[in-house]
Amino acid sequence: IASWPAPRVNAWDVLLQARAMENVCYSFGVNRIGIDGNDVPY
């Protein structure tokens, strides 16, 4: 579960997939959207 910022979202995509393959298991991740009170975009 995450608050993973937009500028690094490519890492989120790749690593979620990698965790599934290396652990021989299902993987999923839930991230938020929007802009928070510190002006961080998701």
Full PDB file with SEQRES, HELIX, SHEET, SSBOND, CRYST1, ORIGX, SCALE, CONECT and MASTER records, all heavy atoms in Angstrom:
SEQRES   1 A   42  ILE ALA SER TRP PRO ALA PRO ARG VAL ASN ALA TRP ASP          
SEQRES   2 A   42  VAL LEU LEU GLN ALA ARG ALA MET GLU ASN VAL CYS TYR          
SEQRES   3 A   42  SER PHE GLY VAL ASN ARG ILE GLY ILE ASP GLY ASN ASP          
SEQRES   4 A   42  VAL PRO TYR                                                  
HELIX    1 AA1 ALA A    6  ARG A    8  5                                   3    
HELIX    2 AA2 VAL A    9  ASN A   23  1                                  15    
CRYST1    1.000    1.000    1.000  90.00  90.00  90.00 P 1           1          
ORIGX1      1.000000  0.000000  0.000000        0.00000                         
ORIGX2      0.000000  1.000000  0.000000        0.00000                         
ORIGX3      0.000000  0.000000  1.000000        0.00000                         
SCALE1      1.000000  0.000000  0.000000        0.00000                         
SCALE2      0.000000  1.000000  0.000000        0.00000                         
SCALE3      0.000000  0.000000  1.000000        0.00000                         
ATOM      1  N   ILE A   1       0.873  -1.167   0.000  1.00  0.00           N  
ATOM      2  CA  ILE A   1       0.000   0.000   0.000  1.00  0.00           C  
ATOM      3  C   ILE A   1       0.914   1.221   0.000  1.00  0.00           C  
ATOM      4  O   ILE A   1       1.963   1.212   0.642  1.00  0.00           O  
ATOM      5  CB  ILE A   1      -0.952  -0.003   1.205  1.00  0.00           C  
ATOM      6  CG1 ILE A   1      -0.172  -0.076   2.524  1.00  0.00           C  
ATOM      7  CG2 ILE A   1      -1.930  -1.164   1.084  1.00  0.00           C  
ATOM      8  CD1 ILE A   1      -1.031   0.104   3.743  1.00  0.00           C  
ATOM      9  N   ALA A   2       0.525   2.283  -0.707  1.00  0.00           N  
ATOM     10  CA  ALA A   2       1.533   3.299  -0.984  1.00  0.00           C  
ATOM     11  C   ALA A   2       0.971   4.700  -1.140  1.00  0.00           C  
ATOM     12  O   ALA A   2      -0.207   4.909  -1.431  1.00  0.00           O  
ATOM     13  CB  ALA A   2       2.301   2.920  -2.255  1.00  0.00           C  
ATOM     14  N   SER A   3       1.901   5.648  -0.932  1.00  0.00           N  
ATOM     15  CA  SER A   3       1.776   7.027  -1.398  1.00  0.00           C  
ATOM     16  C   SER A   3       3.036   7.273  -2.229  1.00  0.00           C  
ATOM     17  O   SER A   3       3.981   7.920  -1.786  1.00  0.00           O  
ATOM     18  CB  SER A   3       1.692   8.007  -0.224  1.00  0.00           C  
ATOM     19  OG  SER A   3       0.514   7.814   0.513  1.00  0.00           O  
ATOM     20  N   TRP A   4       3.045   6.704  -3.419  1.00  0.00           N  
ATOM     21  CA  TRP A   4       4.238   6.694  -4.279  1.00  0.00           C  
ATOM     22  C   TRP A   4       4.143   7.848  -5.269  1.00  0.00           C  
ATOM     23  O   TRP A   4       3.264   7.875  -6.119  1.00  0.00           O  
ATOM     24  CB  TRP A   4       4.321   5.358  -5.022  1.00  0.00           C  
ATOM     25  CG  TRP A   4       5.660   5.073  -5.622  1.00  0.00           C  
ATOM     26  CD1 TRP A   4       6.181   5.632  -6.748  1.00  0.00           C  
ATOM     27  CD2 TRP A   4       6.640   4.147  -5.132  1.00  0.00           C  
ATOM     28  NE1 TRP A   4       7.431   5.119  -7.005  1.00  0.00           N  
ATOM     29  CE2 TRP A   4       7.744   4.195  -6.016  1.00  0.00           C  
ATOM     30  CE3 TRP A   4       6.696   3.291  -4.034  1.00  0.00           C  
ATOM     31  CZ2 TRP A   4       8.870   3.411  -5.846  1.00  0.00           C  
ATOM     32  CZ3 TRP A   4       7.831   2.501  -3.869  1.00  0.00           C  
ATOM     33  CH2 TRP A   4       8.910   2.571  -4.766  1.00  0.00           C  
ATOM     34  N   PRO A   5       5.059   8.831  -5.196  1.00  0.00           N  
ATOM     35  CA  PRO A   5       4.918  10.058  -5.992  1.00  0.00           C  
ATOM     36  C   PRO A   5       5.062   9.835  -7.496  1.00  0.00           C  
ATOM     37  O   PRO A   5       5.745   8.905  -7.950  1.00  0.00           O  
ATOM     38  CB  PRO A   5       6.057  10.945  -5.466  1.00  0.00           C  
ATOM     39  CG  PRO A   5       6.417  10.376  -4.134  1.00  0.00           C  
ATOM     40  CD  PRO A   5       6.183   8.902  -4.252  1.00  0.00           C  
ATOM     41  N   ALA A   6       4.431  10.711  -8.248  1.00  0.00           N  
ATOM     42  CA  ALA A   6       4.417  10.619  -9.705  1.00  0.00           C  
ATOM     43  C   ALA A   6       5.809  10.601 -10.346  1.00  0.00           C  
ATOM     44  O   ALA A   6       6.034   9.837 -11.283  1.00  0.00           O  
ATOM     45  CB  ALA A   6       3.585  11.764 -10.282  1.00  0.00           C  
ATOM     46  N   PRO A   7       6.784  11.423  -9.879  1.00  0.00           N  
ATOM     47  CA  PRO A   7       8.069  11.443 -10.584  1.00  0.00           C  
ATOM     48  C   PRO A   7       8.806  10.107 -10.596  1.00  0.00           C  
ATOM     49  O   PRO A   7       9.650   9.875 -11.466  1.00  0.00           O  
ATOM     50  CB  PRO A   7       8.879  12.496  -9.801  1.00  0.00           C  
ATOM     51  CG  PRO A   7       7.845  13.388  -9.195  1.00  0.00           C  
ATOM     52  CD  PRO A   7       6.712  12.483  -8.846  1.00  0.00           C  
ATOM     53  N   ARG A   8       8.484   9.215  -9.666  1.00  0.00           N  
ATOM     54  CA  ARG A   8       9.193   7.919  -9.598  1.00  0.00           C  
ATOM     55  C   ARG A   8       8.254   6.739  -9.835  1.00  0.00           C  
ATOM     56  O   ARG A   8       8.542   5.612  -9.428  1.00  0.00           O  
ATOM     57  CB  ARG A   8       9.881   7.784  -8.231  1.00  0.00           C  
ATOM     58  CG  ARG A   8      10.990   8.805  -8.022  1.00  0.00           C  
ATOM     59  CD  ARG A   8      11.680   8.649  -6.677  1.00  0.00           C  
ATOM     60  NE  ARG A   8      10.799   8.966  -5.565  1.00  0.00           N  
ATOM     61  CZ  ARG A   8      10.563  10.202  -5.107  1.00  0.00           C  
ATOM     62  NH1 ARG A   8      11.132  11.249  -5.718  1.00  0.00           N  
ATOM     63  NH2 ARG A   8       9.758  10.409  -4.077  1.00  0.00           N  
ATOM     64  N   VAL A   9       7.137   6.984 -10.511  1.00  0.00           N  
ATOM     65  CA  VAL A   9       6.142   5.936 -10.648  1.00  0.00           C  
ATOM     66  C   VAL A   9       6.621   4.805 -11.556  1.00  0.00           C  
ATOM     67  O   VAL A   9       6.136   3.665 -11.449  1.00  0.00           O  
ATOM     68  CB  VAL A   9       4.801   6.515 -11.145  1.00  0.00           C  
ATOM     69  CG1 VAL A   9       4.856   6.837 -12.645  1.00  0.00           C  
ATOM     70  CG2 VAL A   9       3.643   5.575 -10.829  1.00  0.00           C  
ATOM     71  N   ASN A  10       7.582   5.061 -12.436  1.00  0.00           N  
ATOM     72  CA  ASN A  10       8.099   3.984 -13.273  1.00  0.00           C  
ATOM     73  C   ASN A  10       8.737   2.894 -12.421  1.00  0.00           C  
ATOM     74  O   ASN A  10       8.590   1.695 -12.705  1.00  0.00           O  
ATOM     75  CB  ASN A  10       9.120   4.523 -14.280  1.00  0.00           C  
ATOM     76  CG  ASN A  10       9.670   3.428 -15.175  1.00  0.00           C  
ATOM     77  OD1 ASN A  10       8.923   2.812 -15.939  1.00  0.00           O  
ATOM     78  ND2 ASN A  10      10.962   3.155 -15.084  1.00  0.00           N  
ATOM     79  N   ALA A  11       9.423   3.288 -11.353  1.00  0.00           N  
ATOM     80  CA  ALA A  11      10.018   2.298 -10.452  1.00  0.00           C  
ATOM     81  C   ALA A  11       8.931   1.465  -9.786  1.00  0.00           C  
ATOM     82  O   ALA A  11       9.072   0.249  -9.610  1.00  0.00           O  
ATOM     83  CB  ALA A  11      10.879   2.996  -9.397  1.00  0.00           C  
ATOM     84  N   TRP A  12       7.849   2.109  -9.392  1.00  0.00           N  
ATOM     85  CA  TRP A  12       6.709   1.396  -8.801  1.00  0.00           C  
ATOM     86  C   TRP A  12       6.192   0.312  -9.751  1.00  0.00           C  
ATOM     87  O   TRP A  12       6.010  -0.843  -9.356  1.00  0.00           O  
ATOM     88  CB  TRP A  12       5.621   2.416  -8.482  1.00  0.00           C  
ATOM     89  CG  TRP A  12       4.244   1.907  -8.195  1.00  0.00           C  
ATOM     90  CD1 TRP A  12       3.196   1.840  -9.074  1.00  0.00           C  
ATOM     91  CD2 TRP A  12       3.729   1.436  -6.937  1.00  0.00           C  
ATOM     92  NE1 TRP A  12       2.069   1.367  -8.451  1.00  0.00           N  
ATOM     93  CE2 TRP A  12       2.370   1.113  -7.137  1.00  0.00           C  
ATOM     94  CE3 TRP A  12       4.280   1.275  -5.673  1.00  0.00           C  
ATOM     95  CZ2 TRP A  12       1.551   0.618  -6.123  1.00  0.00           C  
ATOM     96  CZ3 TRP A  12       3.467   0.797  -4.651  1.00  0.00           C  
ATOM     97  CH2 TRP A  12       2.124   0.465  -4.879  1.00  0.00           C  
ATOM     98  N   ASP A  13       5.989   0.673 -11.006  1.00  0.00           N  
ATOM     99  CA  ASP A  13       5.471  -0.283 -11.992  1.00  0.00           C  
ATOM    100  C   ASP A  13       6.409  -1.473 -12.162  1.00  0.00           C  
ATOM    101  O   ASP A  13       5.982  -2.633 -12.134  1.00  0.00           O  
ATOM    102  CB  ASP A  13       5.287   0.409 -13.346  1.00  0.00           C  
ATOM    103  CG  ASP A  13       4.258   1.528 -13.325  1.00  0.00           C  
ATOM    104  OD1 ASP A  13       3.384   1.514 -12.441  1.00  0.00           O  
ATOM    105  OD2 ASP A  13       4.340   2.410 -14.194  1.00  0.00           O  
ATOM    106  N   VAL A  14       7.681  -1.192 -12.349  1.00  0.00           N  
ATOM    107  CA  VAL A  14       8.660  -2.249 -12.625  1.00  0.00           C  
ATOM    108  C   VAL A  14       8.864  -3.158 -11.412  1.00  0.00           C  
ATOM    109  O   VAL A  14       8.903  -4.388 -11.531  1.00  0.00           O  
ATOM    110  CB  VAL A  14       9.998  -1.626 -13.066  1.00  0.00           C  
ATOM    111  CG1 VAL A  14      11.090  -2.695 -13.163  1.00  0.00           C  
ATOM    112  CG2 VAL A  14       9.832  -0.902 -14.400  1.00  0.00           C  
ATOM    113  N   LEU A  15       8.981  -2.549 -10.238  1.00  0.00           N  
ATOM    114  CA  LEU A  15       9.296  -3.339  -9.053  1.00  0.00           C  
ATOM    115  C   LEU A  15       8.123  -4.193  -8.583  1.00  0.00           C  
ATOM    116  O   LEU A  15       8.328  -5.293  -8.058  1.00  0.00           O  
ATOM    117  CB  LEU A  15       9.789  -2.426  -7.928  1.00  0.00           C  
ATOM    118  CG  LEU A  15      11.116  -1.715  -8.214  1.00  0.00           C  
ATOM    119  CD1 LEU A  15      11.482  -0.764  -7.081  1.00  0.00           C  
ATOM    120  CD2 LEU A  15      12.235  -2.723  -8.439  1.00  0.00           C  
ATOM    121  N   LEU A  16       6.898  -3.725  -8.758  1.00  0.00           N  
ATOM    122  CA  LEU A  16       5.748  -4.570  -8.437  1.00  0.00           C  
ATOM    123  C   LEU A  16       5.766  -5.848  -9.263  1.00  0.00           C  
ATOM    124  O   LEU A  16       5.493  -6.944  -8.755  1.00  0.00           O  
ATOM    125  CB  LEU A  16       4.441  -3.815  -8.712  1.00  0.00           C  
ATOM    126  CG  LEU A  16       3.814  -2.996  -7.593  1.00  0.00           C  
ATOM    127  CD1 LEU A  16       2.520  -2.360  -8.093  1.00  0.00           C  
ATOM    128  CD2 LEU A  16       3.547  -3.834  -6.352  1.00  0.00           C  
ATOM    129  N   GLN A  17       6.084  -5.703 -10.521  1.00  0.00           N  
ATOM    130  CA  GLN A  17       6.162  -6.861 -11.407  1.00  0.00           C  
ATOM    131  C   GLN A  17       7.326  -7.769 -11.015  1.00  0.00           C  
ATOM    132  O   GLN A  17       7.188  -9.000 -10.978  1.00  0.00           O  
ATOM    133  CB  GLN A  17       6.314  -6.381 -12.856  1.00  0.00           C  
ATOM    134  CG  GLN A  17       6.230  -7.470 -13.900  1.00  0.00           C  
ATOM    135  CD  GLN A  17       6.348  -6.899 -15.313  1.00  0.00           C  
ATOM    136  OE1 GLN A  17       6.961  -5.853 -15.516  1.00  0.00           O  
ATOM    137  NE2 GLN A  17       5.776  -7.579 -16.276  1.00  0.00           N  
ATOM    138  N   ALA A  18       8.460  -7.165 -10.678  1.00  0.00           N  
ATOM    139  CA  ALA A  18       9.633  -7.945 -10.291  1.00  0.00           C  
ATOM    140  C   ALA A  18       9.386  -8.740  -9.016  1.00  0.00           C  
ATOM    141  O   ALA A  18       9.805  -9.900  -8.902  1.00  0.00           O  
ATOM    142  CB  ALA A  18      10.841  -7.024 -10.102  1.00  0.00           C  
ATOM    143  N   ARG A  19       8.710  -8.119  -8.022  1.00  0.00           N  
ATOM    144  CA  ARG A  19       8.446  -8.828  -6.774  1.00  0.00           C  
ATOM    145  C   ARG A  19       7.610 -10.080  -7.014  1.00  0.00           C  
ATOM    146  O   ARG A  19       7.781 -11.093  -6.328  1.00  0.00           O  
ATOM    147  CB  ARG A  19       7.731  -7.924  -5.771  1.00  0.00           C  
ATOM    148  CG  ARG A  19       8.487  -6.699  -5.256  1.00  0.00           C  
ATOM    149  CD  ARG A  19       9.755  -7.023  -4.499  1.00  0.00           C  
ATOM    150  NE  ARG A  19      10.878  -7.162  -5.380  1.00  0.00           N  
ATOM    151  CZ  ARG A  19      11.636  -6.159  -5.820  1.00  0.00           C  
ATOM    152  NH1 ARG A  19      11.379  -4.936  -5.440  1.00  0.00           N  
ATOM    153  NH2 ARG A  19      12.665  -6.404  -6.627  1.00  0.00           N  
ATOM    154  N   ALA A  20       6.700 -10.044  -7.983  1.00  0.00           N  
ATOM    155  CA  ALA A  20       5.890 -11.222  -8.302  1.00  0.00           C  
ATOM    156  C   ALA A  20       6.765 -12.335  -8.868  1.00  0.00           C  
ATOM    157  O   ALA A  20       6.688 -13.490  -8.424  1.00  0.00           O  
ATOM    158  CB  ALA A  20       4.794 -10.848  -9.301  1.00  0.00           C  
ATOM    159  N   MET A  21       7.605 -12.007  -9.819  1.00  0.00           N  
ATOM    160  CA  MET A  21       8.394 -13.025 -10.501  1.00  0.00           C  
ATOM    161  C   MET A  21       9.455 -13.635  -9.598  1.00  0.00           C  
ATOM    162  O   MET A  21       9.644 -14.858  -9.570  1.00  0.00           O  
ATOM    163  CB  MET A  21       9.028 -12.430 -11.763  1.00  0.00           C  
ATOM    164  CG  MET A  21       8.003 -12.102 -12.837  1.00  0.00           C  
ATOM    165  SD  MET A  21       8.741 -11.545 -14.395  1.00  0.00           S  
ATOM    166  CE  MET A  21       9.242  -9.889 -13.942  1.00  0.00           C  
ATOM    167  N   GLU A  22      10.171 -12.810  -8.846  1.00  0.00           N  
ATOM    168  CA  GLU A  22      11.259 -13.348  -8.035  1.00  0.00           C  
ATOM    169  C   GLU A  22      10.757 -14.155  -6.844  1.00  0.00           C  
ATOM    170  O   GLU A  22      11.450 -15.046  -6.348  1.00  0.00           O  
ATOM    171  CB  GLU A  22      12.169 -12.218  -7.553  1.00  0.00           C  
ATOM    172  CG  GLU A  22      11.549 -11.300  -6.519  1.00  0.00           C  
ATOM    173  CD  GLU A  22      12.366 -10.040  -6.293  1.00  0.00           C  
ATOM    174  OE1 GLU A  22      13.345  -9.828  -7.025  1.00  0.00           O  
ATOM    175  OE2 GLU A  22      12.008  -9.268  -5.385  1.00  0.00           O  
ATOM    176  N   ASN A  23       9.547 -13.848  -6.375  1.00  0.00           N  
ATOM    177  CA  ASN A  23       8.992 -14.555  -5.228  1.00  0.00           C  
ATOM    178  C   ASN A  23       8.031 -15.668  -5.622  1.00  0.00           C  
ATOM    179  O   ASN A  23       7.494 -16.359  -4.749  1.00  0.00           O  
ATOM    180  CB  ASN A  23       8.279 -13.568  -4.302  1.00  0.00           C  
ATOM    181  CG  ASN A  23       9.253 -12.670  -3.573  1.00  0.00           C  
ATOM    182  OD1 ASN A  23      10.169 -13.143  -2.912  1.00  0.00           O  
ATOM    183  ND2 ASN A  23       9.068 -11.359  -3.689  1.00  0.00           N  
ATOM    184  N   VAL A  24       7.818 -15.850  -6.913  1.00  0.00           N  
ATOM    185  CA  VAL A  24       6.917 -16.871  -7.444  1.00  0.00           C  
ATOM    186  C   VAL A  24       5.565 -16.799  -6.707  1.00  0.00           C  
ATOM    187  O   VAL A  24       5.085 -17.764  -6.113  1.00  0.00           O  
ATOM    188  CB  VAL A  24       7.524 -18.291  -7.344  1.00  0.00           C  
ATOM    189  CG1 VAL A  24       6.747 -19.247  -8.256  1.00  0.00           C  
ATOM    190  CG2 VAL A  24       8.993 -18.308  -7.712  1.00  0.00           C  
ATOM    191  N   CYS A  25       4.975 -15.605  -6.752  1.00  0.00           N  
ATOM    192  CA  CYS A  25       3.706 -15.370  -6.061  1.00  0.00           C  
ATOM    193  C   CYS A  25       2.951 -14.272  -6.786  1.00  0.00           C  
ATOM    194  O   CYS A  25       3.495 -13.592  -7.655  1.00  0.00           O  
ATOM    195  CB  CYS A  25       3.963 -14.969  -4.604  1.00  0.00           C  
ATOM    196  SG  CYS A  25       4.697 -13.328  -4.407  1.00  0.00           S  
ATOM    197  N   TYR A  26       1.689 -14.115  -6.440  1.00  0.00           N  
ATOM    198  CA  TYR A  26       0.956 -12.946  -6.909  1.00  0.00           C  
ATOM    199  C   TYR A  26       1.474 -11.698  -6.193  1.00  0.00           C  
ATOM    200  O   TYR A  26       1.899 -11.764  -5.035  1.00  0.00           O  
ATOM    201  CB  TYR A  26      -0.533 -13.088  -6.606  1.00  0.00           C  
ATOM    202  CG  TYR A  26      -1.259 -14.109  -7.444  1.00  0.00           C  
ATOM    203  CD1 TYR A  26      -1.540 -15.383  -6.946  1.00  0.00           C  
ATOM    204  CD2 TYR A  26      -1.685 -13.806  -8.736  1.00  0.00           C  
ATOM    205  CE1 TYR A  26      -2.226 -16.329  -7.703  1.00  0.00           C  
ATOM    206  CE2 TYR A  26      -2.369 -14.736  -9.508  1.00  0.00           C  
ATOM    207  CZ  TYR A  26      -2.630 -15.992  -8.982  1.00  0.00           C  
ATOM    208  OH  TYR A  26      -3.307 -16.915  -9.747  1.00  0.00           O  
ATOM    209  N   SER A  27       1.420 -10.565  -6.871  1.00  0.00           N  
ATOM    210  CA  SER A  27       1.729  -9.301  -6.210  1.00  0.00           C  
ATOM    211  C   SER A  27       0.725  -8.242  -6.666  1.00  0.00           C  
ATOM    212  O   SER A  27       0.226  -8.293  -7.793  1.00  0.00           O  
ATOM    213  CB  SER A  27       3.155  -8.825  -6.513  1.00  0.00           C  
ATOM    214  OG  SER A  27       3.234  -8.167  -7.757  1.00  0.00           O  
ATOM    215  N   PHE A  28       0.429  -7.324  -5.746  1.00  0.00           N  
ATOM    216  CA  PHE A  28      -0.364  -6.161  -6.146  1.00  0.00           C  
ATOM    217  C   PHE A  28       0.018  -4.983  -5.276  1.00  0.00           C  
ATOM    218  O   PHE A  28       0.589  -5.133  -4.193  1.00  0.00           O  
ATOM    219  CB  PHE A  28      -1.870  -6.443  -6.086  1.00  0.00           C  
ATOM    220  CG  PHE A  28      -2.433  -6.748  -4.727  1.00  0.00           C  
ATOM    221  CD1 PHE A  28      -2.732  -5.740  -3.821  1.00  0.00           C  
ATOM    222  CD2 PHE A  28      -2.691  -8.056  -4.344  1.00  0.00           C  
ATOM    223  CE1 PHE A  28      -3.268  -6.013  -2.576  1.00  0.00           C  
ATOM    224  CE2 PHE A  28      -3.232  -8.349  -3.101  1.00  0.00           C  
ATOM    225  CZ  PHE A  28      -3.512  -7.328  -2.212  1.00  0.00           C  
ATOM    226  N   GLY A  29      -0.267  -3.794  -5.789  1.00  0.00           N  
ATOM    227  CA  GLY A  29       0.018  -2.569  -5.056  1.00  0.00           C  
ATOM    228  C   GLY A  29      -1.103  -1.570  -5.238  1.00  0.00           C  
ATOM    229  O   GLY A  29      -1.645  -1.436  -6.343  1.00  0.00           O  
ATOM    230  N   VAL A  30      -1.476  -0.902  -4.144  1.00  0.00           N  
ATOM    231  CA  VAL A  30      -2.519   0.129  -4.184  1.00  0.00           C  
ATOM    232  C   VAL A  30      -1.869   1.467  -3.871  1.00  0.00           C  
ATOM    233  O   VAL A  30      -1.322   1.675  -2.783  1.00  0.00           O  
ATOM    234  CB  VAL A  30      -3.647  -0.171  -3.174  1.00  0.00           C  
ATOM    235  CG1 VAL A  30      -4.618   0.995  -3.120  1.00  0.00           C  
ATOM    236  CG2 VAL A  30      -4.370  -1.460  -3.560  1.00  0.00           C  
ATOM    237  N   ASN A  31      -1.929   2.373  -4.825  1.00  0.00           N  
ATOM    238  CA  ASN A  31      -1.357   3.711  -4.674  1.00  0.00           C  
ATOM    239  C   ASN A  31      -2.474   4.745  -4.756  1.00  0.00           C  
ATOM    240  O   ASN A  31      -3.549   4.484  -5.309  1.00  0.00           O  
ATOM    241  CB  ASN A  31      -0.321   3.964  -5.766  1.00  0.00           C  
ATOM    242  CG  ASN A  31       0.532   5.184  -5.500  1.00  0.00           C  
ATOM    243  OD1 ASN A  31       0.739   5.587  -4.360  1.00  0.00           O  
ATOM    244  ND2 ASN A  31       1.044   5.795  -6.564  1.00  0.00           N  
ATOM    245  N   ARG A  32      -2.237   5.919  -4.216  1.00  0.00           N  
ATOM    246  CA  ARG A  32      -3.223   6.988  -4.251  1.00  0.00           C  
ATOM    247  C   ARG A  32      -3.051   7.858  -5.488  1.00  0.00           C  
ATOM    248  O   ARG A  32      -2.068   7.723  -6.247  1.00  0.00           O  
ATOM    249  CB  ARG A  32      -3.114   7.859  -3.002  1.00  0.00           C  
ATOM    250  CG  ARG A  32      -1.779   8.605  -2.876  1.00  0.00           C  
ATOM    251  CD  ARG A  32      -1.876   9.777  -1.925  1.00  0.00           C  
ATOM    252  NE  ARG A  32      -2.769  10.811  -2.450  1.00  0.00           N  
ATOM    253  CZ  ARG A  32      -3.025  11.959  -1.835  1.00  0.00           C  
ATOM    254  NH1 ARG A  32      -2.451  12.241  -0.677  1.00  0.00           N  
ATOM    255  NH2 ARG A  32      -3.823  12.865  -2.385  1.00  0.00           N  
ATOM    256  N   ILE A  33      -3.990   8.770  -5.696  1.00  0.00           N  
ATOM    257  CA  ILE A  33      -3.874   9.771  -6.753  1.00  0.00           C  
ATOM    258  C   ILE A  33      -4.016  11.151  -6.111  1.00  0.00           C  
ATOM    259  O   ILE A  33      -4.212  11.281  -4.904  1.00  0.00           O  
ATOM    260  CB  ILE A  33      -4.940   9.580  -7.849  1.00  0.00           C  
ATOM    261  CG1 ILE A  33      -6.355   9.769  -7.260  1.00  0.00           C  
ATOM    262  CG2 ILE A  33      -4.809   8.221  -8.507  1.00  0.00           C  
ATOM    263  CD1 ILE A  33      -7.442   9.869  -8.327  1.00  0.00           C  
ATOM    264  N   GLY A  34      -3.907  12.200  -6.945  1.00  0.00           N  
ATOM    265  CA  GLY A  34      -4.139  13.564  -6.473  1.00  0.00           C  
ATOM    266  C   GLY A  34      -2.866  14.279  -6.043  1.00  0.00           C  
ATOM    267  O   GLY A  34      -1.752  13.806  -6.262  1.00  0.00           O  
ATOM    268  N   ILE A  35      -3.038  15.440  -5.436  1.00  0.00           N  
ATOM    269  CA  ILE A  35      -1.920  16.268  -4.948  1.00  0.00           C  
ATOM    270  C   ILE A  35      -2.132  16.488  -3.460  1.00  0.00           C  
ATOM    271  O   ILE A  35      -3.208  16.916  -3.034  1.00  0.00           O  
ATOM    272  CB  ILE A  35      -1.855  17.611  -5.696  1.00  0.00           C  
ATOM    273  CG1 ILE A  35      -1.623  17.364  -7.196  1.00  0.00           C  
ATOM    274  CG2 ILE A  35      -0.734  18.488  -5.128  1.00  0.00           C  
ATOM    275  CD1 ILE A  35      -1.665  18.630  -8.043  1.00  0.00           C  
ATOM    276  N   ASP A  36      -1.126  16.199  -2.659  1.00  0.00           N  
ATOM    277  CA  ASP A  36      -1.306  16.309  -1.209  1.00  0.00           C  
ATOM    278  C   ASP A  36      -1.018  17.727  -0.710  1.00  0.00           C  
ATOM    279  O   ASP A  36      -0.739  18.643  -1.494  1.00  0.00           O  
ATOM    280  CB  ASP A  36      -0.474  15.248  -0.468  1.00  0.00           C  
ATOM    281  CG  ASP A  36       1.027  15.496  -0.504  1.00  0.00           C  
ATOM    282  OD1 ASP A  36       1.481  16.619  -0.842  1.00  0.00           O  
ATOM    283  OD2 ASP A  36       1.776  14.552  -0.174  1.00  0.00           O  
ATOM    284  N   GLY A  37      -1.068  17.915   0.605  1.00  0.00           N  
ATOM    285  CA  GLY A  37      -0.887  19.231   1.198  1.00  0.00           C  
ATOM    286  C   GLY A  37       0.508  19.788   1.085  1.00  0.00           C  
ATOM    287  O   GLY A  37       0.736  20.975   1.355  1.00  0.00           O  
ATOM    288  N   ASN A  38       1.459  18.945   0.669  1.00  0.00           N  
ATOM    289  CA  ASN A  38       2.825  19.402   0.412  1.00  0.00           C  
ATOM    290  C   ASN A  38       3.095  19.586  -1.076  1.00  0.00           C  
ATOM    291  O   ASN A  38       4.249  19.689  -1.490  1.00  0.00           O  
ATOM    292  CB  ASN A  38       3.832  18.391   0.995  1.00  0.00           C  
ATOM    293  CG  ASN A  38       3.770  18.344   2.514  1.00  0.00           C  
ATOM    294  OD1 ASN A  38       3.652  19.376   3.169  1.00  0.00           O  
ATOM    295  ND2 ASN A  38       3.853  17.145   3.070  1.00  0.00           N  
ATOM    296  N   ASP A  39       2.022  19.602  -1.874  1.00  0.00           N  
ATOM    297  CA  ASP A  39       2.093  19.755  -3.339  1.00  0.00           C  
ATOM    298  C   ASP A  39       2.828  18.600  -4.016  1.00  0.00           C  
ATOM    299  O   ASP A  39       3.416  18.777  -5.089  1.00  0.00           O  
ATOM    300  CB  ASP A  39       2.743  21.094  -3.723  1.00  0.00           C  
ATOM    301  CG  ASP A  39       1.875  22.279  -3.340  1.00  0.00           C  
ATOM    302  OD1 ASP A  39       0.636  22.157  -3.419  1.00  0.00           O  
ATOM    303  OD2 ASP A  39       2.439  23.326  -2.938  1.00  0.00           O  
ATOM    304  N   VAL A  40       2.795  17.433  -3.411  1.00  0.00           N  
ATOM    305  CA  VAL A  40       3.372  16.238  -4.031  1.00  0.00           C  
ATOM    306  C   VAL A  40       2.292  15.557  -4.879  1.00  0.00           C  
ATOM    307  O   VAL A  40       1.208  15.262  -4.370  1.00  0.00           O  
ATOM    308  CB  VAL A  40       3.893  15.260  -2.963  1.00  0.00           C  
ATOM    309  CG1 VAL A  40       4.418  13.983  -3.620  1.00  0.00           C  
ATOM    310  CG2 VAL A  40       4.987  15.910  -2.125  1.00  0.00           C  
ATOM    311  N   PRO A  41       2.569  15.326  -6.176  1.00  0.00           N  
ATOM    312  CA  PRO A  41       1.565  14.705  -7.038  1.00  0.00           C  
ATOM    313  C   PRO A  41       1.665  13.171  -7.036  1.00  0.00           C  
ATOM    314  O   PRO A  41       2.749  12.606  -6.933  1.00  0.00           O  
ATOM    315  CB  PRO A  41       1.921  15.256  -8.421  1.00  0.00           C  
ATOM    316  CG  PRO A  41       3.419  15.427  -8.363  1.00  0.00           C  
ATOM    317  CD  PRO A  41       3.751  15.790  -6.929  1.00  0.00           C  
ATOM    318  N   TYR A  42       0.502  12.537  -7.173  1.00  0.00           N  
ATOM    319  CA  TYR A  42       0.419  11.066  -7.246  1.00  0.00           C  
ATOM    320  C   TYR A  42      -0.471  10.699  -8.428  1.00  0.00           C  
ATOM    321  O   TYR A  42      -1.512  11.319  -8.649  1.00  0.00           O  
ATOM    322  CB  TYR A  42      -0.185  10.492  -5.971  1.00  0.00           C  
ATOM    323  CG  TYR A  42       0.540  10.901  -4.710  1.00  0.00           C  
ATOM    324  CD1 TYR A  42       0.160  12.057  -4.019  1.00  0.00           C  
ATOM    325  CD2 TYR A  42       1.593  10.150  -4.201  1.00  0.00           C  
ATOM    326  CE1 TYR A  42       0.814  12.440  -2.863  1.00  0.00           C  
ATOM    327  CE2 TYR A  42       2.254  10.526  -3.044  1.00  0.00           C  
ATOM    328  CZ  TYR A  42       1.857  11.672  -2.378  1.00  0.00           C  
ATOM    329  OH  TYR A  42       2.503  12.065  -1.231  1.00  0.00           O  
TER     330      TYR A  42                                                      
MASTER        0    0    0    2    0    0    0    6  329    1    0    4          
END                                                                             
